[in-house]
Amino acid sequence: MQHRVVGVTDRPQALGVADGYPRGYVGGRRCMVKLRPEMTGDALTRLKRARGQLNAVIEMMENGEDCREALTQLAAVSKAIDRAGFKIIASGMRHCNAARERGDAPEMTEEELEKLFLALA
């Protein structure tokens, strides 16, 4: 009789993604697209702005300020984070397409990029 030890990493939520693979893996394959400044500049700017907005929302909640204003700001934070993710995916798509055009193997397949895109949608 074989015994299987169930560890924390057997749970998808502990792995960080719903498909059961650890962070950095898509479909069981390690994704190696590095976040380069030329690929993430606009996304990084959006995330920094979102961080400031989120800090403001936290302060509003701690100070018992208006619920509507806090939720409006929280919606803006959420939208900024989503758009940053889409910008990163778009940059990755352009990067991989340029590699294909040069005759190089792209760092990620179209299927992997699609899966990441759908994770944001």
N, C-alpha and C. Protein backbone atom coordinates (compact mmCIF):
# COMPACT_ATOMS: atom_id res chain seq x y z
N MET A 1 0.84 -1.17 0.00
CA MET A 1 0.00 0.00 0.00
C MET A 1 0.89 1.24 0.00
N GLN A 2 0.60 2.16 -0.92
CA GLN A 2 1.38 3.38 -1.02
C GLN A 2 0.70 4.48 -0.22
N HIS A 3 1.49 5.19 0.54
CA HIS A 3 0.97 6.32 1.30
C HIS A 3 1.42 7.60 0.63
N ARG A 4 0.51 8.51 0.55
CA ARG A 4 0.83 9.81 -0.04
C ARG A 4 0.77 10.87 1.05
N VAL A 5 1.83 11.60 1.18
CA VAL A 5 1.87 12.67 2.16
C VAL A 5 1.36 13.93 1.49
N VAL A 6 0.35 14.52 2.08
CA VAL A 6 -0.23 15.74 1.53
C VAL A 6 0.41 16.92 2.24
N GLY A 7 1.07 17.74 1.47
CA GLY A 7 1.73 18.90 2.05
C GLY A 7 1.04 20.18 1.64
N VAL A 8 1.54 21.28 2.13
CA VAL A 8 0.97 22.58 1.81
C VAL A 8 0.99 22.84 0.32
N THR A 9 2.03 22.38 -0.37
CA THR A 9 2.14 22.67 -1.80
C THR A 9 1.18 21.86 -2.66
N ASP A 10 0.42 20.95 -2.07
CA ASP A 10 -0.58 20.21 -2.83
C ASP A 10 -1.85 21.03 -3.04
N ARG A 11 -1.99 22.11 -2.32
CA ARG A 11 -3.18 22.95 -2.44
C ARG A 11 -2.89 24.07 -3.43
N PRO A 12 -3.70 24.23 -4.50
CA PRO A 12 -3.44 25.28 -5.48
C PRO A 12 -3.34 26.66 -4.85
N GLN A 13 -4.19 26.98 -3.88
CA GLN A 13 -4.13 28.32 -3.31
C GLN A 13 -2.80 28.56 -2.59
N ALA A 14 -2.17 27.50 -2.08
CA ALA A 14 -0.86 27.66 -1.44
C ALA A 14 0.23 27.87 -2.47
N LEU A 15 -0.03 27.42 -3.70
CA LEU A 15 0.96 27.55 -4.76
C LEU A 15 0.95 28.93 -5.37
N GLY A 16 -0.15 29.61 -5.25
CA GLY A 16 -0.22 30.97 -5.78
C GLY A 16 -0.99 31.07 -7.08
N VAL A 17 -1.39 29.97 -7.67
CA VAL A 17 -2.17 30.01 -8.89
C VAL A 17 -3.22 28.91 -8.87
N ALA A 18 -4.26 29.11 -9.65
CA ALA A 18 -5.36 28.16 -9.62
C ALA A 18 -5.08 26.86 -10.37
N ASP A 19 -4.11 26.84 -11.26
CA ASP A 19 -3.90 25.62 -12.05
C ASP A 19 -3.03 24.58 -11.34
N GLY A 20 -2.62 24.83 -10.12
CA GLY A 20 -1.89 23.84 -9.36
C GLY A 20 -0.38 23.88 -9.53
N TYR A 21 0.13 24.84 -10.28
CA TYR A 21 1.58 24.95 -10.47
C TYR A 21 2.11 26.09 -9.60
N PRO A 22 3.35 25.99 -9.16
CA PRO A 22 3.93 27.06 -8.35
C PRO A 22 4.03 28.36 -9.12
N ARG A 23 4.17 29.46 -8.38
CA ARG A 23 4.38 30.75 -9.04
C ARG A 23 5.57 30.64 -9.98
N GLY A 24 5.42 31.29 -11.16
CA GLY A 24 6.50 31.24 -12.14
C GLY A 24 6.35 30.10 -13.13
N TYR A 25 5.32 29.26 -12.95
CA TYR A 25 5.08 28.15 -13.86
C TYR A 25 3.72 28.32 -14.52
N VAL A 26 3.66 28.01 -15.79
CA VAL A 26 2.40 28.01 -16.53
C VAL A 26 2.33 26.68 -17.25
N GLY A 27 1.29 25.92 -16.99
CA GLY A 27 1.12 24.63 -17.64
C GLY A 27 2.26 23.67 -17.34
N GLY A 28 2.87 23.79 -16.18
CA GLY A 28 3.94 22.87 -15.79
C GLY A 28 5.31 23.26 -16.31
N ARG A 29 5.38 24.32 -17.09
CA ARG A 29 6.65 24.76 -17.69
C ARG A 29 7.08 26.08 -17.05
N ARG A 30 8.33 26.18 -16.71
CA ARG A 30 8.85 27.39 -16.07
C ARG A 30 8.84 28.54 -17.06
N CYS A 31 8.22 29.64 -16.69
CA CYS A 31 8.18 30.84 -17.53
C CYS A 31 9.37 31.71 -17.17
N MET A 32 10.15 32.04 -18.16
CA MET A 32 11.40 32.74 -17.89
C MET A 32 11.46 34.12 -18.53
N VAL A 33 10.34 34.75 -18.77
CA VAL A 33 10.38 36.11 -19.29
C VAL A 33 10.74 37.03 -18.14
N LYS A 34 11.87 37.67 -18.25
CA LYS A 34 12.33 38.59 -17.21
C LYS A 34 11.62 39.94 -17.37
N LEU A 35 11.30 40.54 -16.25
CA LEU A 35 10.68 41.85 -16.28
C LEU A 35 11.77 42.90 -16.47
N ARG A 36 11.92 43.31 -17.72
CA ARG A 36 12.94 44.30 -18.07
C ARG A 36 12.34 45.71 -18.01
N PRO A 37 13.13 46.71 -17.64
CA PRO A 37 12.60 48.08 -17.55
C PRO A 37 11.93 48.57 -18.83
N GLU A 38 12.48 48.22 -19.98
CA GLU A 38 11.88 48.67 -21.24
C GLU A 38 10.53 48.01 -21.50
N MET A 39 10.27 46.90 -20.83
CA MET A 39 8.99 46.21 -20.99
C MET A 39 7.96 46.64 -19.94
N THR A 40 8.41 47.17 -18.82
CA THR A 40 7.49 47.39 -17.70
C THR A 40 7.41 48.83 -17.23
N GLY A 41 8.06 49.76 -17.92
CA GLY A 41 8.09 51.15 -17.47
C GLY A 41 6.73 51.73 -17.18
N ASP A 42 5.80 51.65 -18.13
CA ASP A 42 4.47 52.21 -17.95
C ASP A 42 3.71 51.45 -16.87
N ALA A 43 3.85 50.13 -16.84
CA ALA A 43 3.16 49.33 -15.83
C ALA A 43 3.68 49.68 -14.44
N LEU A 44 4.97 49.87 -14.32
CA LEU A 44 5.56 50.22 -13.03
C LEU A 44 5.05 51.57 -12.55
N THR A 45 4.95 52.52 -13.46
CA THR A 45 4.40 53.84 -13.12
C THR A 45 2.98 53.70 -12.61
N ARG A 46 2.17 52.89 -13.29
CA ARG A 46 0.78 52.68 -12.87
C ARG A 46 0.72 52.03 -11.49
N LEU A 47 1.59 51.06 -11.24
CA LEU A 47 1.58 50.37 -9.95
C LEU A 47 2.01 51.29 -8.82
N LYS A 48 2.97 52.15 -9.08
CA LYS A 48 3.39 53.11 -8.06
C LYS A 48 2.27 54.09 -7.74
N ARG A 49 1.55 54.52 -8.77
CA ARG A 49 0.41 55.40 -8.55
C ARG A 49 -0.68 54.67 -7.76
N ALA A 50 -0.91 53.41 -8.10
CA ALA A 50 -1.91 52.61 -7.39
C ALA A 50 -1.52 52.43 -5.93
N ARG A 51 -0.22 52.26 -5.68
CA ARG A 51 0.25 52.12 -4.30
C ARG A 51 -0.09 53.37 -3.50
N GLY A 52 0.11 54.52 -4.09
CA GLY A 52 -0.24 55.77 -3.41
C GLY A 52 -1.73 55.87 -3.15
N GLN A 53 -2.53 55.48 -4.15
CA GLN A 53 -3.98 55.50 -3.97
C GLN A 53 -4.41 54.52 -2.88
N LEU A 54 -3.80 53.34 -2.86
CA LEU A 54 -4.14 52.35 -1.85
C LEU A 54 -3.78 52.86 -0.45
N ASN A 55 -2.64 53.50 -0.32
CA ASN A 55 -2.27 54.09 0.97
C ASN A 55 -3.31 55.11 1.41
N ALA A 56 -3.82 55.89 0.46
CA ALA A 56 -4.85 56.88 0.79
C ALA A 56 -6.14 56.19 1.24
N VAL A 57 -6.51 55.10 0.58
CA VAL A 57 -7.72 54.36 0.97
C VAL A 57 -7.57 53.80 2.39
N ILE A 58 -6.40 53.26 2.69
CA ILE A 58 -6.15 52.72 4.02
C ILE A 58 -6.28 53.82 5.07
N GLU A 59 -5.70 54.99 4.79
CA GLU A 59 -5.81 56.11 5.72
C GLU A 59 -7.26 56.54 5.90
N MET A 60 -8.02 56.56 4.80
CA MET A 60 -9.43 56.93 4.88
C MET A 60 -10.19 55.96 5.79
N MET A 61 -9.89 54.70 5.66
CA MET A 61 -10.57 53.70 6.48
C MET A 61 -10.16 53.84 7.94
N GLU A 62 -8.88 54.05 8.18
CA GLU A 62 -8.38 54.19 9.55
C GLU A 62 -8.95 55.44 10.22
N ASN A 63 -9.21 56.48 9.42
CA ASN A 63 -9.72 57.74 9.97
C ASN A 63 -11.23 57.82 9.95
N GLY A 64 -11.90 56.75 9.50
CA GLY A 64 -13.36 56.73 9.49
C GLY A 64 -13.98 57.73 8.53
N GLU A 65 -13.36 57.92 7.39
CA GLU A 65 -13.87 58.89 6.41
C GLU A 65 -15.00 58.30 5.58
N ASP A 66 -15.48 59.09 4.65
CA ASP A 66 -16.64 58.74 3.84
C ASP A 66 -16.46 57.44 3.07
N CYS A 67 -17.42 56.55 3.21
CA CYS A 67 -17.39 55.23 2.56
C CYS A 67 -17.37 55.35 1.04
N ARG A 68 -18.20 56.23 0.49
CA ARG A 68 -18.28 56.38 -0.97
C ARG A 68 -16.95 56.81 -1.57
N GLU A 69 -16.31 57.76 -0.92
CA GLU A 69 -15.01 58.24 -1.42
C GLU A 69 -13.96 57.14 -1.35
N ALA A 70 -13.95 56.40 -0.25
CA ALA A 70 -12.98 55.30 -0.10
C ALA A 70 -13.20 54.24 -1.17
N LEU A 71 -14.45 53.89 -1.42
CA LEU A 71 -14.75 52.87 -2.43
C LEU A 71 -14.44 53.36 -3.84
N THR A 72 -14.65 54.64 -4.09
CA THR A 72 -14.29 55.21 -5.40
C THR A 72 -12.79 55.10 -5.62
N GLN A 73 -12.02 55.45 -4.59
CA GLN A 73 -10.57 55.34 -4.68
C GLN A 73 -10.12 53.88 -4.81
N LEU A 74 -10.78 52.99 -4.09
CA LEU A 74 -10.44 51.57 -4.17
C LEU A 74 -10.71 51.02 -5.58
N ALA A 75 -11.79 51.47 -6.20
CA ALA A 75 -12.08 51.06 -7.58
C ALA A 75 -10.99 51.55 -8.51
N ALA A 76 -10.49 52.77 -8.28
CA ALA A 76 -9.41 53.31 -9.11
C ALA A 76 -8.14 52.49 -8.93
N VAL A 77 -7.86 52.07 -7.70
CA VAL A 77 -6.68 51.23 -7.44
C VAL A 77 -6.80 49.92 -8.20
N SER A 78 -7.96 49.30 -8.11
CA SER A 78 -8.19 48.02 -8.77
C SER A 78 -8.00 48.14 -10.28
N LYS A 79 -8.55 49.20 -10.86
CA LYS A 79 -8.43 49.42 -12.30
C LYS A 79 -6.97 49.65 -12.70
N ALA A 80 -6.24 50.42 -11.90
CA ALA A 80 -4.84 50.69 -12.20
C ALA A 80 -4.01 49.40 -12.15
N ILE A 81 -4.28 48.55 -11.19
CA ILE A 81 -3.55 47.28 -11.09
C ILE A 81 -3.87 46.38 -12.28
N ASP A 82 -5.15 46.32 -12.64
CA ASP A 82 -5.54 45.52 -13.81
C ASP A 82 -4.85 46.01 -15.07
N ARG A 83 -4.86 47.31 -15.27
CA ARG A 83 -4.25 47.87 -16.48
C ARG A 83 -2.75 47.64 -16.50
N ALA A 84 -2.11 47.68 -15.35
CA ALA A 84 -0.68 47.39 -15.28
C ALA A 84 -0.41 45.95 -15.70
N GLY A 85 -1.24 45.03 -15.24
CA GLY A 85 -1.09 43.63 -15.63
C GLY A 85 -1.26 43.44 -17.13
N PHE A 86 -2.25 44.10 -17.70
CA PHE A 86 -2.47 43.99 -19.15
C PHE A 86 -1.30 44.61 -19.92
N LYS A 87 -0.73 45.69 -19.41
CA LYS A 87 0.44 46.29 -20.05
C LYS A 87 1.61 45.32 -20.05
N ILE A 88 1.81 44.61 -18.95
CA ILE A 88 2.91 43.65 -18.86
C ILE A 88 2.69 42.50 -19.84
N ILE A 89 1.46 42.00 -19.93
CA ILE A 89 1.14 40.93 -20.88
C ILE A 89 1.37 41.41 -22.31
N ALA A 90 0.91 42.62 -22.62
CA ALA A 90 1.10 43.17 -23.98
C ALA A 90 2.58 43.29 -24.31
N SER A 91 3.37 43.74 -23.35
CA SER A 91 4.81 43.85 -23.58
C SER A 91 5.43 42.48 -23.81
N GLY A 92 4.99 41.50 -23.03
CA GLY A 92 5.48 40.13 -23.20
C GLY A 92 5.13 39.58 -24.57
N MET A 93 3.92 39.89 -25.04
CA MET A 93 3.51 39.43 -26.36
C MET A 93 4.38 40.06 -27.44
N ARG A 94 4.63 41.37 -27.32
CA ARG A 94 5.50 42.04 -28.30
C ARG A 94 6.92 41.47 -28.26
N HIS A 95 7.41 41.23 -27.06
CA HIS A 95 8.76 40.69 -26.89
C HIS A 95 8.88 39.31 -27.54
N CYS A 96 7.91 38.44 -27.28
CA CYS A 96 7.95 37.09 -27.85
C CYS A 96 7.75 37.11 -29.36
N ASN A 97 6.90 38.01 -29.85
CA ASN A 97 6.68 38.13 -31.29
C ASN A 97 7.96 38.61 -31.98
N ALA A 98 8.66 39.55 -31.36
CA ALA A 98 9.92 40.04 -31.94
C ALA A 98 10.95 38.91 -31.98
N ALA A 99 10.98 38.07 -30.96
CA ALA A 99 11.91 36.93 -30.96
C ALA A 99 11.59 35.99 -32.12
N ARG A 100 10.30 35.71 -32.33
CA ARG A 100 9.89 34.84 -33.44
C ARG A 100 10.32 35.44 -34.78
N GLU A 101 10.12 36.75 -34.94
CA GLU A 101 10.48 37.43 -36.19
C GLU A 101 11.99 37.38 -36.45
N ARG A 102 12.78 37.36 -35.40
CA ARG A 102 14.24 37.24 -35.55
C ARG A 102 14.67 35.80 -35.79
N GLY A 103 13.73 34.87 -35.68
CA GLY A 103 14.06 33.46 -35.84
C GLY A 103 14.49 32.80 -34.54
N ASP A 104 14.37 33.51 -33.42
CA ASP A 104 14.71 32.96 -32.11
C ASP A 104 13.48 32.28 -31.51
N ALA A 105 13.74 31.40 -30.57
CA ALA A 105 12.64 30.78 -29.83
C ALA A 105 12.16 31.77 -28.78
N PRO A 106 10.85 32.06 -28.75
CA PRO A 106 10.34 32.99 -27.74
C PRO A 106 10.45 32.37 -26.35
N GLU A 107 10.50 33.24 -25.34
CA GLU A 107 10.62 32.77 -23.97
C GLU A 107 9.34 32.11 -23.46
N MET A 108 8.21 32.45 -24.07
CA MET A 108 6.92 31.86 -23.70
C MET A 108 6.14 31.55 -24.98
N THR A 109 5.32 30.52 -24.91
CA THR A 109 4.46 30.20 -26.04
C THR A 109 3.24 31.11 -26.03
N GLU A 110 2.55 31.15 -27.15
CA GLU A 110 1.31 31.92 -27.22
C GLU A 110 0.29 31.40 -26.22
N GLU A 111 0.26 30.09 -26.02
CA GLU A 111 -0.67 29.49 -25.07
C GLU A 111 -0.37 29.95 -23.64
N GLU A 112 0.91 30.04 -23.30
CA GLU A 112 1.29 30.49 -21.97
C GLU A 112 0.89 31.95 -21.75
N LEU A 113 1.14 32.79 -22.77
CA LEU A 113 0.74 34.19 -22.67
C LEU A 113 -0.77 34.32 -22.57
N GLU A 114 -1.48 33.52 -23.34
CA GLU A 114 -2.94 33.55 -23.28
C GLU A 114 -3.44 33.18 -21.90
N LYS A 115 -2.83 32.16 -21.32
CA LYS A 115 -3.24 31.72 -19.98
C LYS A 115 -3.02 32.82 -18.95
N LEU A 116 -1.90 33.51 -19.05
CA LEU A 116 -1.63 34.63 -18.15
C LEU A 116 -2.62 35.77 -18.37
N PHE A 117 -2.92 36.05 -19.63
CA PHE A 117 -3.89 37.08 -19.94
C PHE A 117 -5.24 36.74 -19.33
N LEU A 118 -5.67 35.51 -19.51
CA LEU A 118 -6.98 35.10 -18.99
C LEU A 118 -7.01 35.10 -17.46
N ALA A 119 -5.86 34.91 -16.84
CA ALA A 119 -5.81 34.99 -15.37
C ALA A 119 -6.11 36.40 -14.89
N LEU A 120 -5.82 37.40 -15.72
CA LEU A 120 -6.09 38.78 -15.36
C LEU A 120 -7.53 39.20 -15.70
N ALA A 121 -8.10 38.54 -16.68
CA ALA A 121 -9.43 38.94 -17.17
C ALA A 121 -10.54 38.60 -16.19
